[in-house]
Amino acid sequence: MRFVLVAVPLVAFVACSHAQPAPVAAPAPPPAPSVQVIAEPPPSPVAAPVAPPLTNVSVYFDYDSSELSPEVRAVLEAFFDQAQKHPDQRIRIEGNCDERGSREYNVALGQRRADAAKKYLTNLGLPADRITTISYGKERPRAAGHDEEAWKENRRDDLVPQGAEKSDAVSQR
């Protein structure tokens, strides 16, 4: 009986002493897909929105008057708003008249009209040194003719941003 007892531990010992096969390694995970890092160029600076250019504007007056009507004031306020977006732009106000009256009278009336528009714009806050006034009297009619429609078209101030077509001055302030 002794033999059996000795043999069992010996078998167990021999069984344990055999080289054990290496443990089966878990399959390696598939290689991660290669990721290319593409450096994006830095965003280009966003330009500030550009204000639309200041354009010529005309305002019209009643016969023999330099008073600013509510309609004229509204147009001048809109022009002022646009001029504020162009602080380096100078403005010329050209006063015009219809053909009735003497040359001297029409030049003086055109000047009063231009001065009235300038005063209104400066009261709104536009610097006076940005604005020049000039009167052409009846020398630069927009509409030809000798009727009320033509005269109405010629009783006006033209607000001209500096750099626009220049014209000869008859009277300037």
Protein backbone atom coordinates (compact mmCIF):
# COMPACT_ATOMS: atom_id res chain seq x y z
CA MET A 1 0.00 0.00 0.00
CA ARG A 2 2.81 2.14 0.53
CA PHE A 3 3.57 1.91 -3.06
CA VAL A 4 0.29 3.39 -4.09
CA LEU A 5 0.64 6.30 -1.75
CA VAL A 6 4.09 7.12 -3.00
CA ALA A 7 3.10 6.73 -6.60
CA VAL A 8 0.25 9.13 -6.47
CA PRO A 9 2.36 12.05 -5.28
CA LEU A 10 5.03 11.09 -7.74
CA VAL A 11 2.57 11.11 -10.61
CA ALA A 12 1.28 14.41 -9.44
CA PHE A 13 4.83 15.70 -9.20
CA VAL A 14 5.74 14.42 -12.65
CA ALA A 15 2.56 15.83 -14.10
CA CYS A 16 3.31 19.23 -12.64
CA SER A 17 6.92 19.18 -13.64
CA HIS A 18 6.23 18.87 -17.30
CA ALA A 19 6.63 22.10 -19.10
CA GLN A 20 3.36 23.74 -19.39
CA PRO A 21 2.48 25.17 -22.73
CA ALA A 22 2.66 28.93 -22.81
CA PRO A 23 -0.65 30.49 -22.18
CA VAL A 24 -2.39 31.41 -25.36
CA ALA A 25 -2.14 35.13 -25.65
CA ALA A 26 -5.26 36.99 -26.42
CA PRO A 27 -5.24 38.13 -29.99
CA ALA A 28 -3.64 41.55 -30.34
CA PRO A 29 -6.15 44.26 -30.98
CA PRO A 30 -6.13 45.43 -34.57
CA PRO A 31 -3.93 48.45 -35.04
CA ALA A 32 -5.77 51.69 -34.61
CA PRO A 33 -6.49 53.38 -37.89
CA SER A 34 -3.84 55.93 -38.57
CA VAL A 35 -5.11 59.41 -37.95
CA GLN A 36 -3.60 62.23 -39.86
CA VAL A 37 -3.68 65.51 -38.09
CA ILE A 38 -4.08 68.21 -40.67
CA ALA A 39 -3.31 71.60 -39.32
CA GLU A 40 -5.95 74.00 -40.52
CA PRO A 41 -4.74 77.45 -41.35
CA PRO A 42 -5.74 79.97 -38.74
CA PRO A 43 -8.97 81.72 -39.59
CA SER A 44 -8.36 84.82 -41.62
CA PRO A 45 -9.26 88.00 -39.83
CA VAL A 46 -12.78 89.07 -40.52
CA ALA A 47 -12.88 92.50 -42.06
CA ALA A 48 -15.19 94.96 -40.43
CA PRO A 49 -18.28 95.52 -42.51
CA VAL A 50 -17.77 98.37 -44.90
CA ALA A 51 -20.40 101.05 -44.89
CA PRO A 52 -21.98 101.73 -48.25
CA PRO A 53 -20.46 104.74 -49.94
CA LEU A 54 -21.90 108.15 -49.23
CA THR A 55 -23.89 109.16 -52.30
CA ASN A 56 -25.24 112.41 -53.65
CA VAL A 57 -28.55 113.48 -52.18
CA SER A 58 -30.88 116.29 -53.25
CA VAL A 59 -33.43 118.13 -51.13
CA TYR A 60 -36.08 120.44 -52.55
CA PHE A 61 -37.49 123.76 -51.39
CA ASP A 62 -40.69 125.71 -51.83
CA TYR A 63 -40.75 128.75 -54.06
CA ASP A 64 -38.68 131.66 -52.70
CA SER A 65 -37.93 129.80 -49.45
CA SER A 66 -34.97 128.42 -47.57
CA GLU A 67 -37.14 126.80 -44.87
CA LEU A 68 -36.56 123.08 -44.32
CA SER A 69 -39.79 121.12 -44.68
CA PRO A 70 -40.36 117.96 -42.62
CA GLU A 71 -39.55 115.92 -45.73
CA VAL A 72 -36.24 117.76 -46.20
CA ARG A 73 -35.38 117.25 -42.52
CA ALA A 74 -36.04 113.51 -42.86
CA VAL A 75 -33.73 113.29 -45.89
CA LEU A 76 -31.03 115.29 -44.08
CA GLU A 77 -31.31 113.01 -41.03
CA ALA A 78 -30.85 109.92 -43.22
CA PHE A 79 -27.87 111.60 -44.90
CA PHE A 80 -26.44 112.46 -41.47
CA ASP A 81 -26.71 108.79 -40.42
CA GLN A 82 -24.74 107.74 -43.51
CA ALA A 83 -22.18 110.54 -43.10
CA GLN A 84 -21.50 109.34 -39.54
CA LYS A 85 -20.23 106.06 -41.02
CA HIS A 86 -17.68 108.00 -43.09
CA PRO A 87 -16.05 110.33 -40.56
CA ASP A 88 -13.21 111.31 -42.91
CA GLN A 89 -15.49 112.24 -45.81
CA ARG A 90 -16.10 115.92 -46.45
CA ILE A 91 -19.40 117.18 -47.88
CA ARG A 92 -20.22 120.04 -50.20
CA ILE A 93 -23.75 121.46 -50.20
CA GLU A 94 -24.60 123.10 -53.51
CA GLY A 95 -27.53 125.55 -53.40
CA ASN A 96 -29.56 126.05 -56.57
CA CYS A 97 -32.55 128.15 -57.60
CA ASP A 98 -35.06 128.36 -60.38
CA GLU A 99 -34.62 130.94 -63.10
CA ARG A 100 -37.01 133.58 -61.80
CA GLY A 101 -35.38 136.57 -60.13
CA SER A 102 -32.08 138.34 -60.69
CA ARG A 103 -28.78 136.53 -60.71
CA GLU A 104 -27.76 138.14 -57.41
CA TYR A 105 -31.05 137.28 -55.75
CA ASN A 106 -30.87 133.64 -56.85
CA VAL A 107 -27.25 133.29 -55.72
CA ALA A 108 -28.19 134.70 -52.29
CA LEU A 109 -31.25 132.42 -52.03
CA GLY A 110 -29.21 129.38 -53.06
CA GLN A 111 -26.67 130.29 -50.36
CA ARG A 112 -29.40 130.61 -47.70
CA ARG A 113 -30.69 127.17 -48.70
CA ALA A 114 -27.23 125.61 -48.51
CA ASP A 115 -26.56 127.31 -45.16
CA ALA A 116 -29.90 126.07 -43.77
CA ALA A 117 -29.02 122.48 -44.67
CA LYS A 118 -25.52 122.88 -43.19
CA LYS A 119 -26.91 124.31 -39.96
CA TYR A 120 -29.36 121.42 -39.64
CA LEU A 121 -26.60 118.83 -40.18
CA THR A 122 -24.30 120.54 -37.66
CA ASN A 123 -27.14 120.70 -35.12
CA LEU A 124 -27.49 116.92 -35.58
CA GLY A 125 -23.79 116.58 -34.73
CA LEU A 126 -21.88 116.66 -38.00
CA PRO A 127 -18.72 118.76 -37.56
CA ALA A 128 -19.04 122.08 -39.40
CA ASP A 129 -15.49 121.81 -40.73
CA ARG A 130 -16.53 118.77 -42.79
CA ILE A 131 -19.12 120.80 -44.70
CA THR A 132 -18.65 123.50 -47.32
CA THR A 133 -21.49 125.37 -48.97
CA ILE A 134 -21.72 126.92 -52.40
CA SER A 135 -24.46 128.62 -54.37
CA TYR A 136 -24.90 128.35 -58.10
CA GLY A 137 -28.08 130.39 -58.19
CA LYS A 138 -29.76 129.56 -61.46
CA GLU A 139 -26.50 128.71 -63.28
CA ARG A 140 -26.86 124.93 -62.96
CA PRO A 141 -30.42 123.93 -63.68
CA ARG A 142 -31.25 120.25 -63.46
CA ALA A 143 -34.36 120.60 -65.55
CA ALA A 144 -34.64 122.75 -68.65
CA GLY A 145 -37.87 124.53 -69.21
CA HIS A 146 -39.86 127.58 -68.23
CA ASP A 147 -42.68 125.98 -66.29
CA GLU A 148 -43.45 125.09 -62.69
CA GLU A 149 -42.24 121.47 -63.07
CA ALA A 150 -38.79 122.58 -64.25
CA TRP A 151 -38.56 125.35 -61.65
CA LYS A 152 -39.55 122.91 -58.89
CA GLU A 153 -36.73 120.56 -59.89
CA ASN A 154 -34.21 123.41 -59.80
CA ARG A 155 -35.12 124.71 -56.30
CA ARG A 156 -32.78 122.36 -54.48
CA ASP A 157 -29.65 121.68 -52.50
CA ASP A 158 -27.36 118.92 -53.71
CA LEU A 159 -25.32 117.25 -50.96
CA VAL A 160 -22.18 116.01 -52.68
CA PRO A 161 -19.55 113.87 -50.91
CA GLN A 162 -16.10 115.33 -51.50
CA GLY A 163 -14.33 113.52 -54.28
CA ALA A 164 -17.43 113.38 -56.43
CA GLU A 165 -17.51 115.46 -59.60
CA LYS A 166 -16.33 118.94 -58.76
CA SER A 167 -17.99 122.03 -60.07
CA ASP A 168 -17.09 125.70 -60.36
CA ALA A 169 -17.98 127.83 -57.38
CA VAL A 170 -20.07 130.95 -57.74
CA SER A 171 -20.21 131.70 -54.03
CA GLN A 172 -18.55 129.73 -51.28
CA ARG A 173 -18.46 129.69 -47.49
